[in-house]
Amino acid sequence: MTLDQLKPGDEGLIKKLSSRDKLGRRLIDMGIYPGQSIKVIRNAPLNDPMEVQLNGYFISLRHEEAKFVEVAS
């Protein structure tokens, strides 16, 4: 399952990042890497971007970016 498939209120454990290019580096720089717990807070009115909570802070990701984050719920 990927992060973009989770609904608001769902939580998961990050298993793997599928992107190894600039996007992968950006996700790691934001603290999104395997072993971290992540929770979906809400989706924007038109469903993009999504707000997630990670390590006590909130970040926004586009669904296109969240497709590269594999999670286990």
PDB file of N, CA and C in Angstrom:
ATOM      1  N   MET A   1       0.849  -1.166   0.000  1.00  0.00           N
ATOM      2  CA  MET A   1       0.000   0.000   0.000  1.00  0.00           C
ATOM      3  C   MET A   1       0.903   1.239   0.000  1.00  0.00           C
ATOM      4  N   THR A   2       0.452   2.287  -0.666  1.00  0.00           N
ATOM      5  CA  THR A   2       1.221   3.527  -0.694  1.00  0.00           C
ATOM      6  C   THR A   2       0.506   4.612   0.106  1.00  0.00           C
ATOM      7  N   LEU A   3       1.260   5.632   0.477  1.00  0.00           N
ATOM      8  CA  LEU A   3       0.741   6.698   1.341  1.00  0.00           C
ATOM      9  C   LEU A   3      -0.466   7.397   0.734  1.00  0.00           C
ATOM     10  N   ASP A   4      -0.507   7.558  -0.569  1.00  0.00           N
ATOM     11  CA  ASP A   4      -1.631   8.254  -1.196  1.00  0.00           C
ATOM     12  C   ASP A   4      -2.946   7.488  -1.070  1.00  0.00           C
ATOM     13  N   GLN A   5      -2.900   6.202  -0.728  1.00  0.00           N
ATOM     14  CA  GLN A   5      -4.115   5.391  -0.582  1.00  0.00           C
ATOM     15  C   GLN A   5      -4.730   5.486   0.812  1.00  0.00           C
ATOM     16  N   LEU A   6      -4.002   6.056   1.768  1.00  0.00           N
ATOM     17  CA  LEU A   6      -4.536   6.196   3.120  1.00  0.00           C
ATOM     18  C   LEU A   6      -5.531   7.353   3.181  1.00  0.00           C
ATOM     19  N   LYS A   7      -6.503   7.217   4.038  1.00  0.00           N
ATOM     20  CA  LYS A   7      -7.540   8.232   4.238  1.00  0.00           C
ATOM     21  C   LYS A   7      -7.238   9.026   5.505  1.00  0.00           C
ATOM     22  N   PRO A   8      -7.833  10.211   5.652  1.00  0.00           N
ATOM     23  CA  PRO A   8      -7.632  10.990   6.880  1.00  0.00           C
ATOM     24  C   PRO A   8      -7.954  10.169   8.126  1.00  0.00           C
ATOM     25  N   GLY A   9      -7.043  10.220   9.101  1.00  0.00           N
ATOM     26  CA  GLY A   9      -7.185   9.450  10.333  1.00  0.00           C
ATOM     27  C   GLY A   9      -6.402   8.146  10.313  1.00  0.00           C
ATOM     28  N   ASP A  10      -6.022   7.665   9.122  1.00  0.00           N
ATOM     29  CA  ASP A  10      -5.248   6.429   9.019  1.00  0.00           C
ATOM     30  C   ASP A  10      -3.793   6.667   9.403  1.00  0.00           C
ATOM     31  N   GLU A  11      -3.203   5.654  10.012  1.00  0.00           N
ATOM     32  CA  GLU A  11      -1.790   5.703  10.382  1.00  0.00           C
ATOM     33  C   GLU A  11      -1.069   4.530   9.743  1.00  0.00           C
ATOM     34  N   GLY A  12       0.218   4.687   9.550  1.00  0.00           N
ATOM     35  CA  GLY A  12       1.002   3.610   8.978  1.00  0.00           C
ATOM     36  C   GLY A  12       2.470   3.744   9.319  1.00  0.00           C
ATOM     37  N   LEU A  13       3.201   2.709   9.013  1.00  0.00           N
ATOM     38  CA  LEU A  13       4.638   2.677   9.222  1.00  0.00           C
ATOM     39  C   LEU A  13       5.297   2.688   7.845  1.00  0.00           C
ATOM     40  N   ILE A  14       6.199   3.613   7.638  1.00  0.00           N
ATOM     41  CA  ILE A  14       6.854   3.727   6.332  1.00  0.00           C
ATOM     42  C   ILE A  14       7.780   2.530   6.144  1.00  0.00           C
ATOM     43  N   LYS A  15       7.587   1.814   5.048  1.00  0.00           N
ATOM     44  CA  LYS A  15       8.374   0.623   4.746  1.00  0.00           C
ATOM     45  C   LYS A  15       9.485   0.896   3.742  1.00  0.00           C
ATOM     46  N   LYS A  16       9.184   1.704   2.704  1.00  0.00           N
ATOM     47  CA  LYS A  16      10.149   1.863   1.613  1.00  0.00           C
ATOM     48  C   LYS A  16       9.825   3.113   0.805  1.00  0.00           C
ATOM     49  N   LEU A  17      10.870   3.741   0.260  1.00  0.00           N
ATOM     50  CA  LEU A  17      10.709   4.831  -0.696  1.00  0.00           C
ATOM     51  C   LEU A  17      11.052   4.285  -2.068  1.00  0.00           C
ATOM     52  N   SER A  18      10.180   4.495  -3.033  1.00  0.00           N
ATOM     53  CA  SER A  18      10.390   3.960  -4.378  1.00  0.00           C
ATOM     54  C   SER A  18      11.207   4.887  -5.261  1.00  0.00           C
ATOM     55  N   SER A  19      11.377   6.113  -4.869  1.00  0.00           N
ATOM     56  CA  SER A  19      12.074   7.104  -5.689  1.00  0.00           C
ATOM     57  C   SER A  19      13.501   7.291  -5.188  1.00  0.00           C
ATOM     58  N   ARG A  20      14.448   7.292  -6.102  1.00  0.00           N
ATOM     59  CA  ARG A  20      15.854   7.484  -5.736  1.00  0.00           C
ATOM     60  C   ARG A  20      16.441   8.756  -6.344  1.00  0.00           C
ATOM     61  N   ASP A  21      15.640   9.535  -7.036  1.00  0.00           N
ATOM     62  CA  ASP A  21      16.126  10.752  -7.686  1.00  0.00           C
ATOM     63  C   ASP A  21      15.957  11.959  -6.753  1.00  0.00           C
ATOM     64  N   LYS A  22      15.751  13.131  -7.310  1.00  0.00           N
ATOM     65  CA  LYS A  22      15.587  14.357  -6.513  1.00  0.00           C
ATOM     66  C   LYS A  22      14.399  14.260  -5.562  1.00  0.00           C
ATOM     67  N   LEU A  23      13.319  13.642  -6.018  1.00  0.00           N
ATOM     68  CA  LEU A  23      12.141  13.501  -5.158  1.00  0.00           C
ATOM     69  C   LEU A  23      12.473  12.633  -3.950  1.00  0.00           C
ATOM     70  N   GLY A  24      13.164  11.529  -4.151  1.00  0.00           N
ATOM     71  CA  GLY A  24      13.558  10.665  -3.045  1.00  0.00           C
ATOM     72  C   GLY A  24      14.407  11.404  -2.031  1.00  0.00           C
ATOM     73  N   ARG A  25      15.334  12.202  -2.508  1.00  0.00           N
ATOM     74  CA  ARG A  25      16.194  12.996  -1.622  1.00  0.00           C
ATOM     75  C   ARG A  25      15.367  14.018  -0.850  1.00  0.00           C
ATOM     76  N   ARG A  26      14.395  14.636  -1.531  1.00  0.00           N
ATOM     77  CA  ARG A  26      13.528  15.632  -0.889  1.00  0.00           C
ATOM     78  C   ARG A  26      12.679  14.990   0.206  1.00  0.00           C
ATOM     79  N   LEU A  27      12.142  13.805  -0.063  1.00  0.00           N
ATOM     80  CA  LEU A  27      11.336  13.103   0.940  1.00  0.00           C
ATOM     81  C   LEU A  27      12.177  12.772   2.171  1.00  0.00           C
ATOM     82  N   ILE A  28      13.390  12.300   1.952  1.00  0.00           N
ATOM     83  CA  ILE A  28      14.282  11.990   3.072  1.00  0.00           C
ATOM     84  C   ILE A  28      14.619  13.256   3.858  1.00  0.00           C
ATOM     85  N   ASP A  29      14.858  14.346   3.152  1.00  0.00           N
ATOM     86  CA  ASP A  29      15.163  15.614   3.826  1.00  0.00           C
ATOM     87  C   ASP A  29      14.000  16.100   4.686  1.00  0.00           C
ATOM     88  N   MET A  30      12.765  15.752   4.306  1.00  0.00           N
ATOM     89  CA  MET A  30      11.589  16.141   5.094  1.00  0.00           C
ATOM     90  C   MET A  30      11.361  15.182   6.262  1.00  0.00           C
ATOM     91  N   GLY A  31      12.160  14.118   6.367  1.00  0.00           N
ATOM     92  CA  GLY A  31      12.014  13.176   7.473  1.00  0.00           C
ATOM     93  C   GLY A  31      11.209  11.948   7.127  1.00  0.00           C
ATOM     94  N   ILE A  32      10.882  11.780   5.852  1.00  0.00           N
ATOM     95  CA  ILE A  32      10.107  10.624   5.413  1.00  0.00           C
ATOM     96  C   ILE A  32      11.086   9.538   4.988  1.00  0.00           C
ATOM     97  N   TYR A  33      11.283   8.554   5.859  1.00  0.00           N
ATOM     98  CA  TYR A  33      12.178   7.448   5.546  1.00  0.00           C
ATOM     99  C   TYR A  33      11.701   6.199   6.296  1.00  0.00           C
ATOM    100  N   PRO A  34      12.138   5.023   5.860  1.00  0.00           N
ATOM    101  CA  PRO A  34      11.656   3.771   6.458  1.00  0.00           C
ATOM    102  C   PRO A  34      11.824   3.730   7.976  1.00  0.00           C
ATOM    103  N   GLY A  35      10.808   3.151   8.622  1.00  0.00           N
ATOM    104  CA  GLY A  35      10.814   2.999  10.071  1.00  0.00           C
ATOM    105  C   GLY A  35      10.037   4.077  10.806  1.00  0.00           C
ATOM    106  N   GLN A  36       9.674   5.150  10.126  1.00  0.00           N
ATOM    107  CA  GLN A  36       8.938   6.248  10.748  1.00  0.00           C
ATOM    108  C   GLN A  36       7.430   5.972  10.727  1.00  0.00           C
ATOM    109  N   SER A  37       6.751   6.396  11.770  1.00  0.00           N
ATOM    110  CA  SER A  37       5.295   6.322  11.830  1.00  0.00           C
ATOM    111  C   SER A  37       4.728   7.591  11.207  1.00  0.00           C
ATOM    112  N   ILE A  38       3.662   7.438  10.423  1.00  0.00           N
ATOM    113  CA  ILE A  38       3.072   8.583   9.730  1.00  0.00           C
ATOM    114  C   ILE A  38       1.553   8.504   9.835  1.00  0.00           C
ATOM    115  N   LYS A  39       0.904   9.655   9.975  1.00  0.00           N
ATOM    116  CA  LYS A  39      -0.555   9.712  10.096  1.00  0.00           C
ATOM    117  C   LYS A  39      -1.091  10.742   9.113  1.00  0.00           C
ATOM    118  N   VAL A  40      -2.144  10.370   8.398  1.00  0.00           N
ATOM    119  CA  VAL A  40      -2.802  11.303   7.471  1.00  0.00           C
ATOM    120  C   VAL A  40      -3.788  12.145   8.281  1.00  0.00           C
ATOM    121  N   ILE A  41      -3.628  13.456   8.213  1.00  0.00           N
ATOM    122  CA  ILE A  41      -4.487  14.368   8.965  1.00  0.00           C
ATOM    123  C   ILE A  41      -5.698  14.773   8.131  1.00  0.00           C
ATOM    124  N   ARG A  42      -5.457  15.254   6.922  1.00  0.00           N
ATOM    125  CA  ARG A  42      -6.572  15.676   6.062  1.00  0.00           C
ATOM    126  C   ARG A  42      -6.104  15.824   4.619  1.00  0.00           C
ATOM    127  N   ASN A  43      -7.097  15.873   3.737  1.00  0.00           N
ATOM    128  CA  ASN A  43      -6.874  16.180   2.324  1.00  0.00           C
ATOM    129  C   ASN A  43      -7.419  17.579   2.061  1.00  0.00           C
ATOM    130  N   ALA A  44      -6.809  18.281   1.136  1.00  0.00           N
ATOM    131  CA  ALA A  44      -7.310  19.597   0.740  1.00  0.00           C
ATOM    132  C   ALA A  44      -8.678  19.439   0.070  1.00  0.00           C
ATOM    133  N   PRO A  45      -9.443  20.510  -0.056  1.00  0.00           N
ATOM    134  CA  PRO A  45     -10.794  20.415  -0.633  1.00  0.00           C
ATOM    135  C   PRO A  45     -10.862  19.719  -1.998  1.00  0.00           C
ATOM    136  N   LEU A  46      -9.892  19.911  -2.831  1.00  0.00           N
ATOM    137  CA  LEU A  46      -9.883  19.228  -4.132  1.00  0.00           C
ATOM    138  C   LEU A  46      -9.026  17.973  -4.095  1.00  0.00           C
ATOM    139  N   ASN A  47      -8.780  17.455  -2.888  1.00  0.00           N
ATOM    140  CA  ASN A  47      -8.077  16.197  -2.631  1.00  0.00           C
ATOM    141  C   ASN A  47      -6.560  16.277  -2.782  1.00  0.00           C
ATOM    142  N   ASP A  48      -6.011  17.433  -3.096  1.00  0.00           N
ATOM    143  CA  ASP A  48      -4.567  17.547  -3.239  1.00  0.00           C
ATOM    144  C   ASP A  48      -4.130  18.922  -2.786  1.00  0.00           C
ATOM    145  N   PRO A  49      -3.181  19.118  -1.920  1.00  0.00           N
ATOM    146  CA  PRO A  49      -2.303  18.112  -1.309  1.00  0.00           C
ATOM    147  C   PRO A  49      -2.930  17.469  -0.084  1.00  0.00           C
ATOM    148  N   MET A  50      -2.186  16.555   0.509  1.00  0.00           N
ATOM    149  CA  MET A  50      -2.609  15.914   1.743  1.00  0.00           C
ATOM    150  C   MET A  50      -1.685  16.378   2.864  1.00  0.00           C
ATOM    151  N   GLU A  51      -2.231  16.494   4.061  1.00  0.00           N
ATOM    152  CA  GLU A  51      -1.431  16.883   5.225  1.00  0.00           C
ATOM    153  C   GLU A  51      -1.184  15.636   6.063  1.00  0.00           C
ATOM    154  N   VAL A  52       0.077  15.412   6.423  1.00  0.00           N
ATOM    155  CA  VAL A  52       0.440  14.264   7.244  1.00  0.00           C
ATOM    156  C   VAL A  52       1.202  14.741   8.470  1.00  0.00           C
ATOM    157  N   GLN A  53       1.142  13.929   9.515  1.00  0.00           N
ATOM    158  CA  GLN A  53       1.892  14.214  10.736  1.00  0.00           C
ATOM    159  C   GLN A  53       3.010  13.188  10.842  1.00  0.00           C
ATOM    160  N   LEU A  54       4.207  13.702  11.125  1.00  0.00           N
ATOM    161  CA  LEU A  54       5.399  12.866  11.179  1.00  0.00           C
ATOM    162  C   LEU A  54       6.342  13.436  12.224  1.00  0.00           C
ATOM    163  N   ASN A  55       6.695  12.648  13.218  1.00  0.00           N
ATOM    164  CA  ASN A  55       7.619  13.089  14.274  1.00  0.00           C
ATOM    165  C   ASN A  55       7.170  14.368  14.971  1.00  0.00           C
ATOM    166  N   GLY A  56       5.868  14.550  15.130  1.00  0.00           N
ATOM    167  CA  GLY A  56       5.366  15.712  15.849  1.00  0.00           C
ATOM    168  C   GLY A  56       5.212  16.971  15.017  1.00  0.00           C
ATOM    169  N   TYR A  57       5.466  16.917  13.733  1.00  0.00           N
ATOM    170  CA  TYR A  57       5.240  18.089  12.894  1.00  0.00           C
ATOM    171  C   TYR A  57       4.383  17.707  11.691  1.00  0.00           C
ATOM    172  N   PHE A  58       3.865  18.716  11.023  1.00  0.00           N
ATOM    173  CA  PHE A  58       2.935  18.509   9.920  1.00  0.00           C
ATOM    174  C   PHE A  58       3.580  18.934   8.609  1.00  0.00           C
ATOM    175  N   ILE A  59       3.386  18.126   7.581  1.00  0.00           N
ATOM    176  CA  ILE A  59       3.882  18.472   6.252  1.00  0.00           C
ATOM    177  C   ILE A  59       2.789  18.201   5.232  1.00  0.00           C
ATOM    178  N   SER A  60       2.868  18.876   4.114  1.00  0.00           N
ATOM    179  CA  SER A  60       1.923  18.680   3.016  1.00  0.00           C
ATOM    180  C   SER A  60       2.641  18.009   1.857  1.00  0.00           C
ATOM    181  N   LEU A  61       1.985  17.012   1.295  1.00  0.00           N
ATOM    182  CA  LEU A  61       2.514  16.279   0.147  1.00  0.00           C
ATOM    183  C   LEU A  61       1.454  16.187  -0.931  1.00  0.00           C
ATOM    184  N   ARG A  62       1.880  16.285  -2.161  1.00  0.00           N
ATOM    185  CA  ARG A  62       0.963  16.011  -3.266  1.00  0.00           C
ATOM    186  C   ARG A  62       0.772  14.504  -3.348  1.00  0.00           C
ATOM    187  N   HIS A  63      -0.382  14.086  -3.819  1.00  0.00           N
ATOM    188  CA  HIS A  63      -0.652  12.654  -3.965  1.00  0.00           C
ATOM    189  C   HIS A  63       0.351  12.011  -4.924  1.00  0.00           C
ATOM    190  N   GLU A  64       0.796  12.759  -5.914  1.00  0.00           N
ATOM    191  CA  GLU A  64       1.785  12.245  -6.865  1.00  0.00           C
ATOM    192  C   GLU A  64       3.100  11.910  -6.155  1.00  0.00           C
ATOM    193  N   GLU A  65       3.465  12.687  -5.150  1.00  0.00           N
ATOM    194  CA  GLU A  65       4.668  12.407  -4.360  1.00  0.00           C
ATOM    195  C   GLU A  65       4.432  11.256  -3.385  1.00  0.00           C
ATOM    196  N   ALA A  66       3.237  11.205  -2.806  1.00  0.00           N
ATOM    197  CA  ALA A  66       2.911  10.174  -1.806  1.00  0.00           C
ATOM    198  C   ALA A  66       2.865   8.788  -2.415  1.00  0.00           C
ATOM    199  N   LYS A  67       2.724   8.682  -3.727  1.00  0.00           N
ATOM    200  CA  LYS A  67       2.710   7.373  -4.404  1.00  0.00           C
ATOM    201  C   LYS A  67       4.039   6.646  -4.263  1.00  0.00           C
ATOM    202  N   PHE A  68       5.099   7.368  -3.970  1.00  0.00           N
ATOM    203  CA  PHE A  68       6.436   6.769  -3.876  1.00  0.00           C
ATOM    204  C   PHE A  68       6.773   6.315  -2.463  1.00  0.00           C
ATOM    205  N   VAL A  69       5.843   6.480  -1.513  1.00  0.00           N
ATOM    206  CA  VAL A  69       6.070   6.103  -0.125  1.00  0.00           C
ATOM    207  C   VAL A  69       5.224   4.864   0.191  1.00  0.00           C
ATOM    208  N   GLU A  70       5.874   3.725   0.389  1.00  0.00           N
ATOM    209  CA  GLU A  70       5.158   2.499   0.724  1.00  0.00           C
ATOM    210  C   GLU A  70       4.992   2.405   2.239  1.00  0.00           C
ATOM    211  N   VAL A  71       3.763   2.102   2.669  1.00  0.00           N
ATOM    212  CA  VAL A  71       3.459   2.029   4.100  1.00  0.00           C
ATOM    213  C   VAL A  71       2.760   0.720   4.435  1.00  0.00           C
ATOM    214  N   ALA A  72       2.861   0.335   5.696  1.00  0.00           N
ATOM    215  CA  ALA A  72       2.104  -0.799   6.232  1.00  0.00           C
ATOM    216  C   ALA A  72       1.184  -0.234   7.294  1.00  0.00           C
ATOM    217  N   SER A  73      -0.099  -0.506   7.181  1.00  0.00           N
ATOM    218  CA  SER A  73      -1.046   0.055   8.159  1.00  0.00           C
ATOM    219  C   SER A  73      -1.257  -0.873   9.327  1.00  0.00           C
TER     220      SER A  73
END
